[in-house]
Amino acid sequence: MGKGDPKKLRGKMSAHAFFVQTCWKEHKQQHPAASVNFSEFSQKCLERWKIMTAKEKGKFEDMPKADKAHYEREMKTYIPPKRETKKKFKDPNAPKRPPSAFFLFCSEYRPKIKGEHPGLSIGDVGKKPGEMWNDTAADDKHPYEKDIVHIKLKESLMQQKKREVSRLKRQENRRKRRKMKRIRKRRKMKMKKMMMNKLLL
């Protein structure tokens, strides 16, 4: 979803990506507090996907078709917002957006293309991975999609960890404030008692 544009649709997903997403939701529902090794989780999803029958994969393979049709219908009426002329502040500590499966594919094959075809222009070198990606079978794209799921799960776990650390810090600060308040109250009572004793003498 685009920042500042809540109406913008997310990108289209593959059947395998829908399957992994479903597995992830089921796991979180069954084990909401359990920690997840994202590498093992994504690998198990891939292993399950490989041994599934065509019938079992059917509903997940139908999802991208429906998703694509919905995406194309919505994009026909989608009007992107006007770009702001003011330069937005970029937080250097903000987490980077995870790359796409296609980006990982390009990163792997672009150096090979340059080495095998040194005479190609920069534009042709940029187009070639796109042509190769379009000609790549869905099963051959799974490793790259698996890596994307791996990266997104890792990012999700990191965000959860940051939120937990922040929550614990807030709890600790509240505990310290309550402690200081009790100390000040005892000191005040002690001073009041001393003053009363002096008056009685």
N, C-alpha and C. Protein backbone atom coordinates (compact mmCIF):
# COMPACT_ATOMS: atom_id res chain seq x y z
N MET A 1 0.85 -1.19 0.00
CA MET A 1 0.00 0.00 0.00
C MET A 1 0.88 1.23 0.00
N GLY A 2 0.61 2.17 -0.88
CA GLY A 2 1.46 3.32 -1.01
C GLY A 2 1.32 4.26 0.18
N LYS A 3 2.40 4.87 0.60
CA LYS A 3 2.38 5.79 1.72
C LYS A 3 1.61 7.03 1.34
N GLY A 4 0.64 7.44 2.18
CA GLY A 4 -0.15 8.60 1.88
C GLY A 4 -1.26 8.33 0.88
N ASP A 5 -1.39 7.12 0.42
CA ASP A 5 -2.42 6.77 -0.56
C ASP A 5 -3.08 5.46 -0.14
N PRO A 6 -4.03 5.51 0.79
CA PRO A 6 -4.66 4.28 1.30
C PRO A 6 -5.47 3.53 0.26
N LYS A 7 -5.81 4.17 -0.86
CA LYS A 7 -6.63 3.51 -1.89
C LYS A 7 -5.80 2.69 -2.86
N LYS A 8 -4.49 2.88 -2.86
CA LYS A 8 -3.66 2.16 -3.81
C LYS A 8 -3.59 0.68 -3.44
N LEU A 9 -3.74 -0.20 -4.45
CA LEU A 9 -3.73 -1.63 -4.21
C LEU A 9 -2.32 -2.16 -4.12
N ARG A 10 -2.16 -3.27 -3.39
CA ARG A 10 -0.87 -3.94 -3.32
C ARG A 10 -0.62 -4.68 -4.63
N GLY A 11 0.60 -5.12 -4.84
CA GLY A 11 0.95 -5.87 -6.04
C GLY A 11 0.31 -7.24 -6.08
N LYS A 12 0.28 -7.84 -7.27
CA LYS A 12 -0.31 -9.18 -7.43
C LYS A 12 0.58 -10.24 -6.80
N MET A 13 -0.05 -11.32 -6.33
CA MET A 13 0.67 -12.41 -5.65
C MET A 13 0.54 -13.70 -6.44
N SER A 14 1.54 -14.58 -6.28
CA SER A 14 1.52 -15.89 -6.93
C SER A 14 0.74 -16.88 -6.07
N ALA A 15 0.46 -18.07 -6.65
CA ALA A 15 -0.26 -19.12 -5.92
C ALA A 15 0.54 -19.56 -4.70
N HIS A 16 1.86 -19.72 -4.87
CA HIS A 16 2.71 -20.15 -3.76
C HIS A 16 2.72 -19.10 -2.65
N ALA A 17 2.73 -17.82 -3.04
CA ALA A 17 2.72 -16.75 -2.04
C ALA A 17 1.42 -16.77 -1.24
N PHE A 18 0.29 -17.04 -1.90
CA PHE A 18 -0.99 -17.16 -1.21
C PHE A 18 -0.97 -18.34 -0.24
N PHE A 19 -0.34 -19.44 -0.67
CA PHE A 19 -0.24 -20.64 0.17
C PHE A 19 0.56 -20.34 1.44
N VAL A 20 1.71 -19.69 1.26
CA VAL A 20 2.56 -19.36 2.41
C VAL A 20 1.83 -18.39 3.34
N GLN A 21 1.14 -17.43 2.76
CA GLN A 21 0.39 -16.47 3.56
C GLN A 21 -0.69 -17.17 4.39
N THR A 22 -1.36 -18.15 3.79
CA THR A 22 -2.39 -18.92 4.49
C THR A 22 -1.78 -19.73 5.63
N CYS A 23 -0.64 -20.39 5.35
CA CYS A 23 0.05 -21.17 6.38
C CYS A 23 0.48 -20.28 7.54
N TRP A 24 0.96 -19.09 7.22
CA TRP A 24 1.43 -18.15 8.24
C TRP A 24 0.27 -17.71 9.14
N LYS A 25 -0.89 -17.41 8.53
CA LYS A 25 -2.05 -16.99 9.31
C LYS A 25 -2.53 -18.12 10.22
N GLU A 26 -2.56 -19.35 9.67
CA GLU A 26 -2.99 -20.50 10.47
C GLU A 26 -2.05 -20.73 11.65
N HIS A 27 -0.74 -20.58 11.38
CA HIS A 27 0.24 -20.79 12.45
C HIS A 27 0.07 -19.74 13.55
N LYS A 28 -0.15 -18.48 13.17
CA LYS A 28 -0.29 -17.41 14.15
C LYS A 28 -1.57 -17.59 14.97
N GLN A 29 -2.63 -18.13 14.35
CA GLN A 29 -3.88 -18.37 15.07
C GLN A 29 -3.72 -19.50 16.08
N GLN A 30 -3.00 -20.56 15.67
CA GLN A 30 -2.82 -21.72 16.53
C GLN A 30 -1.76 -21.50 17.60
N HIS A 31 -0.73 -20.72 17.25
CA HIS A 31 0.39 -20.48 18.19
C HIS A 31 0.72 -18.98 18.22
N PRO A 32 -0.17 -18.15 18.75
CA PRO A 32 0.04 -16.69 18.71
C PRO A 32 1.27 -16.21 19.45
N ALA A 33 1.69 -16.94 20.48
CA ALA A 33 2.83 -16.48 21.28
C ALA A 33 4.14 -17.20 20.94
N ALA A 34 4.07 -18.15 20.02
CA ALA A 34 5.27 -18.95 19.70
C ALA A 34 6.23 -18.16 18.81
N SER A 35 7.53 -18.34 19.08
CA SER A 35 8.53 -17.72 18.22
C SER A 35 8.68 -18.56 16.96
N VAL A 36 9.04 -17.91 15.86
CA VAL A 36 9.10 -18.60 14.56
C VAL A 36 10.48 -18.46 13.96
N ASN A 37 11.03 -19.60 13.55
CA ASN A 37 12.26 -19.59 12.75
C ASN A 37 11.81 -19.45 11.30
N PHE A 38 11.90 -18.24 10.75
CA PHE A 38 11.33 -17.97 9.43
C PHE A 38 11.96 -18.82 8.33
N SER A 39 13.24 -19.16 8.48
CA SER A 39 13.90 -19.98 7.46
C SER A 39 13.29 -21.38 7.42
N GLU A 40 13.12 -21.97 8.60
CA GLU A 40 12.53 -23.31 8.67
C GLU A 40 11.06 -23.28 8.25
N PHE A 41 10.35 -22.23 8.65
CA PHE A 41 8.93 -22.13 8.31
C PHE A 41 8.73 -22.06 6.80
N SER A 42 9.47 -21.19 6.13
CA SER A 42 9.31 -21.04 4.68
C SER A 42 9.76 -22.30 3.95
N GLN A 43 10.78 -22.98 4.48
CA GLN A 43 11.25 -24.22 3.86
C GLN A 43 10.19 -25.32 3.98
N LYS A 44 9.55 -25.39 5.15
CA LYS A 44 8.49 -26.39 5.34
C LYS A 44 7.30 -26.12 4.42
N CYS A 45 7.00 -24.84 4.23
CA CYS A 45 5.91 -24.47 3.32
C CYS A 45 6.23 -24.92 1.90
N LEU A 46 7.48 -24.72 1.49
CA LEU A 46 7.88 -25.12 0.14
C LEU A 46 7.82 -26.63 -0.02
N GLU A 47 8.25 -27.36 1.02
CA GLU A 47 8.21 -28.83 0.97
C GLU A 47 6.76 -29.33 0.88
N ARG A 48 5.88 -28.69 1.64
CA ARG A 48 4.46 -29.07 1.58
C ARG A 48 3.88 -28.78 0.20
N TRP A 49 4.27 -27.64 -0.35
CA TRP A 49 3.76 -27.23 -1.66
C TRP A 49 4.17 -28.23 -2.75
N LYS A 50 5.39 -28.73 -2.65
CA LYS A 50 5.90 -29.65 -3.67
C LYS A 50 5.15 -30.98 -3.69
N ILE A 51 4.69 -31.44 -2.52
CA ILE A 51 4.04 -32.75 -2.47
C ILE A 51 2.51 -32.66 -2.55
N MET A 52 1.99 -31.45 -2.61
CA MET A 52 0.54 -31.27 -2.73
C MET A 52 0.06 -31.71 -4.11
N THR A 53 -1.14 -32.26 -4.15
CA THR A 53 -1.72 -32.68 -5.43
C THR A 53 -2.23 -31.45 -6.19
N ALA A 54 -2.50 -31.67 -7.47
CA ALA A 54 -3.01 -30.58 -8.30
C ALA A 54 -4.34 -30.06 -7.76
N LYS A 55 -5.13 -30.99 -7.20
CA LYS A 55 -6.43 -30.60 -6.64
C LYS A 55 -6.24 -29.72 -5.41
N GLU A 56 -5.26 -30.08 -4.57
CA GLU A 56 -4.99 -29.29 -3.36
C GLU A 56 -4.44 -27.91 -3.71
N LYS A 57 -3.65 -27.85 -4.78
CA LYS A 57 -3.10 -26.56 -5.20
C LYS A 57 -4.13 -25.71 -5.92
N GLY A 58 -5.21 -26.37 -6.35
CA GLY A 58 -6.21 -25.69 -7.19
C GLY A 58 -6.73 -24.39 -6.62
N LYS A 59 -7.15 -24.42 -5.35
CA LYS A 59 -7.75 -23.21 -4.78
C LYS A 59 -6.74 -22.07 -4.67
N PHE A 60 -5.45 -22.43 -4.44
CA PHE A 60 -4.42 -21.38 -4.36
C PHE A 60 -4.08 -20.85 -5.75
N GLU A 61 -4.16 -21.71 -6.77
CA GLU A 61 -3.89 -21.26 -8.13
C GLU A 61 -5.03 -20.41 -8.68
N ASP A 62 -6.23 -20.59 -8.10
CA ASP A 62 -7.35 -19.75 -8.51
C ASP A 62 -7.27 -18.37 -7.88
N MET A 63 -6.60 -18.29 -6.73
CA MET A 63 -6.51 -17.00 -6.01
C MET A 63 -5.82 -15.92 -6.83
N PRO A 64 -4.64 -16.21 -7.47
CA PRO A 64 -3.99 -15.16 -8.26
C PRO A 64 -4.85 -14.68 -9.43
N LYS A 65 -5.65 -15.61 -10.00
CA LYS A 65 -6.52 -15.22 -11.12
C LYS A 65 -7.57 -14.22 -10.66
N ALA A 66 -8.21 -14.56 -9.54
CA ALA A 66 -9.23 -13.65 -8.99
C ALA A 66 -8.58 -12.35 -8.52
N ASP A 67 -7.40 -12.48 -7.93
CA ASP A 67 -6.67 -11.31 -7.44
C ASP A 67 -6.28 -10.40 -8.60
N LYS A 68 -5.82 -11.02 -9.69
CA LYS A 68 -5.42 -10.25 -10.87
C LYS A 68 -6.61 -9.53 -11.48
N ALA A 69 -7.75 -10.26 -11.61
CA ALA A 69 -8.95 -9.65 -12.18
C ALA A 69 -9.42 -8.47 -11.33
N HIS A 70 -9.41 -8.68 -10.01
CA HIS A 70 -9.81 -7.60 -9.09
C HIS A 70 -8.85 -6.42 -9.19
N TYR A 71 -7.55 -6.73 -9.26
CA TYR A 71 -6.52 -5.70 -9.34
C TYR A 71 -6.71 -4.86 -10.60
N GLU A 72 -6.94 -5.54 -11.73
CA GLU A 72 -7.08 -4.84 -13.01
C GLU A 72 -8.35 -3.99 -13.03
N ARG A 73 -9.44 -4.51 -12.42
CA ARG A 73 -10.68 -3.72 -12.36
C ARG A 73 -10.49 -2.46 -11.53
N GLU A 74 -9.85 -2.63 -10.38
CA GLU A 74 -9.65 -1.49 -9.49
C GLU A 74 -8.69 -0.47 -10.08
N MET A 75 -7.66 -0.95 -10.78
CA MET A 75 -6.67 -0.04 -11.35
C MET A 75 -7.25 0.82 -12.47
N LYS A 76 -8.33 0.33 -13.11
CA LYS A 76 -8.97 1.11 -14.17
C LYS A 76 -9.59 2.39 -13.62
N THR A 77 -10.05 2.32 -12.38
CA THR A 77 -10.69 3.49 -11.77
C THR A 77 -9.77 4.20 -10.78
N TYR A 78 -8.57 3.65 -10.59
CA TYR A 78 -7.65 4.24 -9.61
C TYR A 78 -7.01 5.52 -10.16
N ILE A 79 -7.07 6.57 -9.39
CA ILE A 79 -6.44 7.84 -9.77
C ILE A 79 -5.34 8.13 -8.75
N PRO A 80 -4.08 8.08 -9.17
CA PRO A 80 -2.99 8.32 -8.21
C PRO A 80 -3.01 9.75 -7.70
N PRO A 81 -2.63 9.96 -6.45
CA PRO A 81 -2.62 11.32 -5.89
C PRO A 81 -1.50 12.15 -6.51
N LYS A 82 -1.69 13.46 -6.45
CA LYS A 82 -0.66 14.35 -6.98
C LYS A 82 0.58 14.28 -6.10
N ARG A 83 1.72 14.29 -6.75
CA ARG A 83 2.98 14.22 -5.99
C ARG A 83 3.25 15.54 -5.28
N GLU A 84 3.74 15.41 -4.08
CA GLU A 84 4.09 16.61 -3.32
C GLU A 84 5.41 17.17 -3.83
N THR A 85 5.44 18.49 -3.98
CA THR A 85 6.67 19.13 -4.46
C THR A 85 7.71 19.24 -3.33
N LYS A 86 7.20 19.29 -2.10
CA LYS A 86 8.11 19.40 -0.97
C LYS A 86 8.84 18.08 -0.75
N LYS A 87 10.14 18.15 -0.59
CA LYS A 87 10.94 16.95 -0.37
C LYS A 87 10.64 16.38 1.01
N LYS A 88 10.30 15.11 1.02
CA LYS A 88 9.97 14.46 2.28
C LYS A 88 11.23 14.05 3.04
N PHE A 89 11.14 14.15 4.35
CA PHE A 89 12.26 13.73 5.19
C PHE A 89 12.36 12.21 5.19
N LYS A 90 13.56 11.72 4.99
CA LYS A 90 13.80 10.28 4.98
C LYS A 90 14.58 9.90 6.23
N ASP A 91 13.97 9.08 7.04
CA ASP A 91 14.60 8.63 8.28
C ASP A 91 15.68 7.61 7.95
N PRO A 92 16.97 7.91 8.24
CA PRO A 92 18.04 6.95 7.92
C PRO A 92 17.95 5.66 8.72
N ASN A 93 17.22 5.70 9.84
CA ASN A 93 17.08 4.50 10.68
C ASN A 93 15.83 3.68 10.35
N ALA A 94 15.03 4.17 9.40
CA ALA A 94 13.81 3.44 9.04
C ALA A 94 14.16 2.14 8.33
N PRO A 95 13.37 1.06 8.56
CA PRO A 95 13.66 -0.22 7.89
C PRO A 95 13.47 -0.11 6.38
N LYS A 96 14.34 -0.77 5.63
CA LYS A 96 14.25 -0.74 4.18
C LYS A 96 13.09 -1.61 3.71
N ARG A 97 12.47 -1.16 2.60
CA ARG A 97 11.39 -1.96 2.02
C ARG A 97 11.97 -3.24 1.45
N PRO A 98 11.38 -4.40 1.76
CA PRO A 98 11.93 -5.66 1.23
C PRO A 98 11.85 -5.72 -0.28
N PRO A 99 12.86 -6.28 -0.96
CA PRO A 99 12.84 -6.37 -2.43
C PRO A 99 11.79 -7.36 -2.90
N SER A 100 11.48 -7.31 -4.20
CA SER A 100 10.52 -8.24 -4.78
C SER A 100 11.26 -9.47 -5.29
N ALA A 101 10.49 -10.53 -5.63
CA ALA A 101 11.09 -11.75 -6.19
C ALA A 101 11.81 -11.42 -7.50
N PHE A 102 11.20 -10.55 -8.30
CA PHE A 102 11.81 -10.15 -9.57
C PHE A 102 13.12 -9.41 -9.34
N PHE A 103 13.17 -8.58 -8.30
CA PHE A 103 14.40 -7.85 -7.99
C PHE A 103 15.54 -8.81 -7.63
N LEU A 104 15.22 -9.84 -6.84
CA LEU A 104 16.24 -10.83 -6.48
C LEU A 104 16.72 -11.58 -7.72
N PHE A 105 15.77 -11.89 -8.62
CA PHE A 105 16.11 -12.57 -9.87
C PHE A 105 17.06 -11.71 -10.70
N CYS A 106 16.74 -10.42 -10.82
CA CYS A 106 17.59 -9.49 -11.58
C CYS A 106 18.99 -9.37 -10.97
N SER A 107 19.04 -9.30 -9.64
CA SER A 107 20.33 -9.17 -8.95
C SER A 107 21.23 -10.36 -9.24
N GLU A 108 20.61 -11.53 -9.41
CA GLU A 108 21.39 -12.74 -9.68
C GLU A 108 21.84 -12.82 -11.14
N TYR A 109 20.95 -12.45 -12.05
CA TYR A 109 21.24 -12.67 -13.47
C TYR A 109 21.86 -11.48 -14.20
N ARG A 110 21.70 -10.26 -13.69
CA ARG A 110 22.24 -9.10 -14.39
C ARG A 110 23.77 -9.18 -14.56
N PRO A 111 24.54 -9.55 -13.50
CA PRO A 111 25.99 -9.69 -13.70
C PRO A 111 26.34 -10.75 -14.74
N LYS A 112 25.57 -11.85 -14.76
CA LYS A 112 25.83 -12.91 -15.75
C LYS A 112 25.58 -12.41 -17.16
N ILE A 113 24.52 -11.63 -17.33
CA ILE A 113 24.19 -11.08 -18.65
C ILE A 113 25.29 -10.13 -19.12
N LYS A 114 25.79 -9.29 -18.20
CA LYS A 114 26.87 -8.37 -18.56
C LYS A 114 28.13 -9.13 -18.97
N GLY A 115 28.40 -10.24 -18.24
CA GLY A 115 29.59 -11.03 -18.56
C GLY A 115 29.48 -11.77 -19.87
N GLU A 116 28.28 -12.30 -20.17
CA GLU A 116 28.09 -13.06 -21.40
C GLU A 116 27.88 -12.17 -22.62
N HIS A 117 27.37 -10.95 -22.40
CA HIS A 117 27.11 -10.03 -23.51
C HIS A 117 27.70 -8.65 -23.18
N PRO A 118 29.01 -8.52 -23.23
CA PRO A 118 29.64 -7.25 -22.85
C PRO A 118 29.28 -6.08 -23.75
N GLY A 119 28.78 -6.38 -24.95
CA GLY A 119 28.46 -5.30 -25.89
C GLY A 119 27.07 -4.72 -25.72
N LEU A 120 26.26 -5.30 -24.85
CA LEU A 120 24.89 -4.81 -24.66
C LEU A 120 24.88 -3.43 -24.00
N SER A 121 23.92 -2.61 -24.43
CA SER A 121 23.77 -1.29 -23.82
C SER A 121 23.15 -1.43 -22.43
N ILE A 122 23.21 -0.36 -21.66
CA ILE A 122 22.63 -0.38 -20.31
C ILE A 122 21.13 -0.68 -20.37
N GLY A 123 20.46 -0.10 -21.37
CA GLY A 123 19.03 -0.33 -21.53
C GLY A 123 18.70 -1.78 -21.83
N ASP A 124 19.50 -2.39 -22.72
CA ASP A 124 19.27 -3.80 -23.08
C ASP A 124 19.57 -4.72 -21.90
N VAL A 125 20.61 -4.38 -21.14
CA VAL A 125 20.94 -5.17 -19.95
C VAL A 125 19.79 -5.10 -18.94
N GLY A 126 19.13 -3.95 -18.88
CA GLY A 126 18.00 -3.80 -17.97
C GLY A 126 16.76 -4.55 -18.44
N LYS A 127 16.57 -4.65 -19.76
CA LYS A 127 15.39 -5.32 -20.31
C LYS A 127 15.51 -6.84 -20.28
N LYS A 128 16.73 -7.34 -20.47
CA LYS A 128 16.94 -8.79 -20.60
C LYS A 128 16.42 -9.58 -19.40
N PRO A 129 16.71 -9.18 -18.15
CA PRO A 129 16.18 -9.95 -17.01
C PRO A 129 14.66 -10.01 -17.00
N GLY A 130 14.00 -8.93 -17.46
CA GLY A 130 12.55 -8.92 -17.51
C GLY A 130 12.02 -9.97 -18.48
N GLU A 131 12.67 -10.08 -19.64
CA GLU A 131 12.27 -11.10 -20.62
C GLU A 131 12.50 -12.50 -20.06
N MET A 132 13.63 -12.68 -19.39
CA MET A 132 13.94 -13.99 -18.81
C MET A 132 12.94 -14.35 -17.72
N TRP A 133 12.57 -13.35 -16.91
CA TRP A 133 11.61 -13.59 -15.82
C TRP A 133 10.25 -14.01 -16.37
N ASN A 134 9.82 -13.35 -17.44
CA ASN A 134 8.53 -13.69 -18.05
C ASN A 134 8.53 -15.09 -18.64
N ASP A 135 9.70 -15.55 -19.10
CA ASP A 135 9.81 -16.88 -19.69
C ASP A 135 10.07 -17.97 -18.65
N THR A 136 10.30 -17.57 -17.40
CA THR A 136 10.60 -18.54 -16.34
C THR A 136 9.33 -19.21 -15.85
N ALA A 137 9.38 -20.53 -15.71
CA ALA A 137 8.21 -21.29 -15.23
C ALA A 137 7.90 -20.93 -13.78
N ALA A 138 6.63 -21.09 -13.42
CA ALA A 138 6.19 -20.71 -12.06
C ALA A 138 6.97 -21.47 -10.98
N ASP A 139 7.22 -22.77 -11.22
CA ASP A 139 7.95 -23.57 -10.23
C ASP A 139 9.37 -23.06 -10.04
N ASP A 140 9.98 -22.55 -11.13
CA ASP A 140 11.35 -22.04 -11.04
C ASP A 140 11.41 -20.69 -10.33
N LYS A 141 10.26 -20.03 -10.22
CA LYS A 141 10.21 -18.74 -9.51
C LYS A 141 10.05 -18.93 -8.00
N HIS A 142 9.67 -20.15 -7.59
CA HIS A 142 9.40 -20.41 -6.17
C HIS A 142 10.57 -20.07 -5.25
N PRO A 143 11.83 -20.43 -5.62
CA PRO A 143 12.94 -20.10 -4.71
C PRO A 143 13.04 -18.60 -4.42
N TYR A 144 12.78 -17.77 -5.46
CA TYR A 144 12.86 -16.32 -5.26
C TYR A 144 11.69 -15.83 -4.42
N GLU A 145 10.50 -16.41 -4.67
CA GLU A 145 9.33 -16.04 -3.87
C GLU A 145 9.50 -16.49 -2.43
N LYS A 146 10.15 -17.66 -2.26
CA LYS A 146 10.41 -18.17 -0.91
C LYS A 146 11.34 -17.22 -0.17
N ASP A 147 12.35 -16.70 -0.88
CA ASP A 147 13.28 -15.76 -0.25
C ASP A 147 12.57 -14.48 0.17
N ILE A 148 11.59 -14.04 -0.66
CA ILE A 148 10.84 -12.83 -0.33
C ILE A 148 10.01 -13.05 0.93
N VAL A 149 9.37 -14.21 1.01
CA VAL A 149 8.59 -14.55 2.21
C VAL A 149 9.52 -14.58 3.42
N HIS A 150 10.71 -15.15 3.21
CA HIS A 150 11.74 -15.23 4.25
C HIS A 150 12.07 -13.82 4.75
N ILE A 151 12.30 -12.89 3.82
CA ILE A 151 12.67 -11.52 4.17
C ILE A 151 11.53 -10.81 4.89
N LYS A 152 10.30 -11.01 4.38
CA LYS A 152 9.15 -10.34 4.98
C LYS A 152 8.86 -10.87 6.38
N LEU A 153 9.02 -12.18 6.56
CA LEU A 153 8.82 -12.76 7.89
C LEU A 153 9.87 -12.23 8.87
N LYS A 154 11.10 -12.12 8.37
CA LYS A 154 12.18 -11.60 9.21
C LYS A 154 11.88 -10.16 9.62
N GLU A 155 11.42 -9.36 8.65
CA GLU A 155 11.08 -7.97 8.94
C GLU A 155 9.93 -7.89 9.95
N SER A 156 8.93 -8.78 9.78
CA SER A 156 7.80 -8.81 10.71
C SER A 156 8.25 -9.14 12.12
N LEU A 157 9.15 -10.13 12.24
CA LEU A 157 9.65 -10.52 13.56
C LEU A 157 10.48 -9.40 14.19
N MET A 158 11.25 -8.69 13.36
CA MET A 158 12.05 -7.58 13.87
C MET A 158 11.15 -6.47 14.40
N GLN A 159 10.06 -6.18 13.66
CA GLN A 159 9.13 -5.15 14.10
C GLN A 159 8.44 -5.55 15.40
N GLN A 160 8.08 -6.84 15.49
CA GLN A 160 7.47 -7.34 16.73
C GLN A 160 8.43 -7.19 17.91
N LYS A 161 9.70 -7.50 17.65
CA LYS A 161 10.71 -7.40 18.71
C LYS A 161 10.89 -5.95 19.15
N LYS A 162 10.90 -5.02 18.18
CA LYS A 162 11.04 -3.60 18.51
C LYS A 162 9.87 -3.11 19.35
N ARG A 163 8.66 -3.55 18.96
CA ARG A 163 7.48 -3.14 19.73
C ARG A 163 7.53 -3.69 21.15
N GLU A 164 8.01 -4.93 21.28
CA GLU A 164 8.10 -5.55 22.61
C GLU A 164 9.13 -4.82 23.47
N VAL A 165 10.28 -4.46 22.88
CA VAL A 165 11.32 -3.71 23.61
C VAL A 165 10.77 -2.36 24.05
N SER A 166 10.04 -1.70 23.14
CA SER A 166 9.45 -0.40 23.46
C SER A 166 8.44 -0.53 24.60
N ARG A 167 7.64 -1.59 24.56
CA ARG A 167 6.63 -1.81 25.60
C ARG A 167 7.30 -2.04 26.96
N LEU A 168 8.38 -2.84 26.97
CA LEU A 168 9.09 -3.12 28.22
C LEU A 168 9.74 -1.86 28.78
N LYS A 169 10.24 -1.00 27.88
CA LYS A 169 10.85 0.26 28.33
C LYS A 169 9.80 1.16 28.99
N ARG A 170 8.62 1.21 28.37
CA ARG A 170 7.55 2.03 28.96
C ARG A 170 7.15 1.51 30.33
N GLN A 171 7.06 0.17 30.44
CA GLN A 171 6.73 -0.42 31.74
C GLN A 171 7.78 -0.08 32.79
N GLU A 172 9.05 -0.17 32.39
CA GLU A 172 10.14 0.13 33.32
C GLU A 172 10.11 1.60 33.74
N ASN A 173 9.83 2.49 32.80
CA ASN A 173 9.75 3.92 33.13
C ASN A 173 8.61 4.21 34.09
N ARG A 174 7.46 3.54 33.85
CA ARG A 174 6.32 3.72 34.77
C ARG A 174 6.67 3.21 36.17
N ARG A 175 7.36 2.07 36.21
CA ARG A 175 7.76 1.50 37.50
C ARG A 175 8.69 2.45 38.25
N LYS A 176 9.64 3.06 37.53
CA LYS A 176 10.58 3.99 38.15
C LYS A 176 9.85 5.24 38.67
N ARG A 177 8.89 5.73 37.87
CA ARG A 177 8.15 6.92 38.30
C ARG A 177 7.34 6.65 39.56
N ARG A 178 6.71 5.46 39.60
CA ARG A 178 5.94 5.10 40.81
C ARG A 178 6.85 4.98 42.03
N LYS A 179 8.04 4.42 41.81
CA LYS A 179 8.99 4.26 42.91
C LYS A 179 9.45 5.61 43.44
N MET A 180 9.77 6.54 42.52
CA MET A 180 10.20 7.88 42.92
C MET A 180 9.07 8.62 43.65
N LYS A 181 7.85 8.39 43.20
CA LYS A 181 6.70 9.04 43.84
C LYS A 181 6.55 8.56 45.28
N ARG A 182 6.75 7.24 45.48
CA ARG A 182 6.66 6.68 46.84
C ARG A 182 7.78 7.23 47.73
N ILE A 183 8.98 7.35 47.16
CA ILE A 183 10.12 7.87 47.92
C ILE A 183 9.87 9.31 48.35
N ARG A 184 9.37 10.13 47.40
CA ARG A 184 9.08 11.54 47.73
C ARG A 184 8.00 11.65 48.79
N LYS A 185 7.01 10.75 48.69
CA LYS A 185 5.92 10.77 49.67
C LYS A 185 6.43 10.43 51.06
N ARG A 186 7.34 9.41 51.15
CA ARG A 186 7.91 9.03 52.45
C ARG A 186 8.76 10.15 53.03
N ARG A 187 9.53 10.80 52.16
CA ARG A 187 10.36 11.92 52.63
C ARG A 187 9.48 13.06 53.16
N LYS A 188 8.40 13.31 52.44
CA LYS A 188 7.50 14.38 52.85
C LYS A 188 6.87 14.06 54.20
N MET A 189 6.46 12.80 54.39
CA MET A 189 5.87 12.38 55.66
C MET A 189 6.89 12.45 56.79
N LYS A 190 8.12 12.09 56.47
CA LYS A 190 9.18 12.12 57.47
C LYS A 190 9.47 13.55 57.91
N MET A 191 9.53 14.47 56.93
CA MET A 191 9.78 15.87 57.24
C MET A 191 8.62 16.45 58.06
N LYS A 192 7.42 16.05 57.70
CA LYS A 192 6.25 16.54 58.43
C LYS A 192 6.26 16.06 59.88
N LYS A 193 6.67 14.80 60.07
CA LYS A 193 6.75 14.24 61.41
C LYS A 193 7.81 14.95 62.24
N MET A 194 8.95 15.24 61.61
CA MET A 194 10.03 15.95 62.32
C MET A 194 9.57 17.34 62.74
N MET A 195 8.84 18.02 61.87
CA MET A 195 8.35 19.36 62.19
C MET A 195 7.36 19.30 63.35
N MET A 196 6.52 18.29 63.35
CA MET A 196 5.54 18.14 64.44
C MET A 196 6.24 17.86 65.76
N ASN A 197 7.29 17.05 65.74
CA ASN A 197 8.05 16.75 66.95
C ASN A 197 8.71 18.00 67.52
N LYS A 198 9.21 18.85 66.62
CA LYS A 198 9.85 20.08 67.07
C LYS A 198 8.84 21.02 67.73
N LEU A 199 7.66 21.05 67.15
CA LEU A 199 6.62 21.92 67.71
C LEU A 199 6.17 21.46 69.08
N LEU A 200 6.21 20.14 69.31
CA LEU A 200 5.76 19.58 70.58
C LEU A 200 6.80 19.72 71.68
N LEU A 201 8.06 19.89 71.31
CA LEU A 201 9.13 20.01 72.31
C LEU A 201 9.09 21.37 73.00
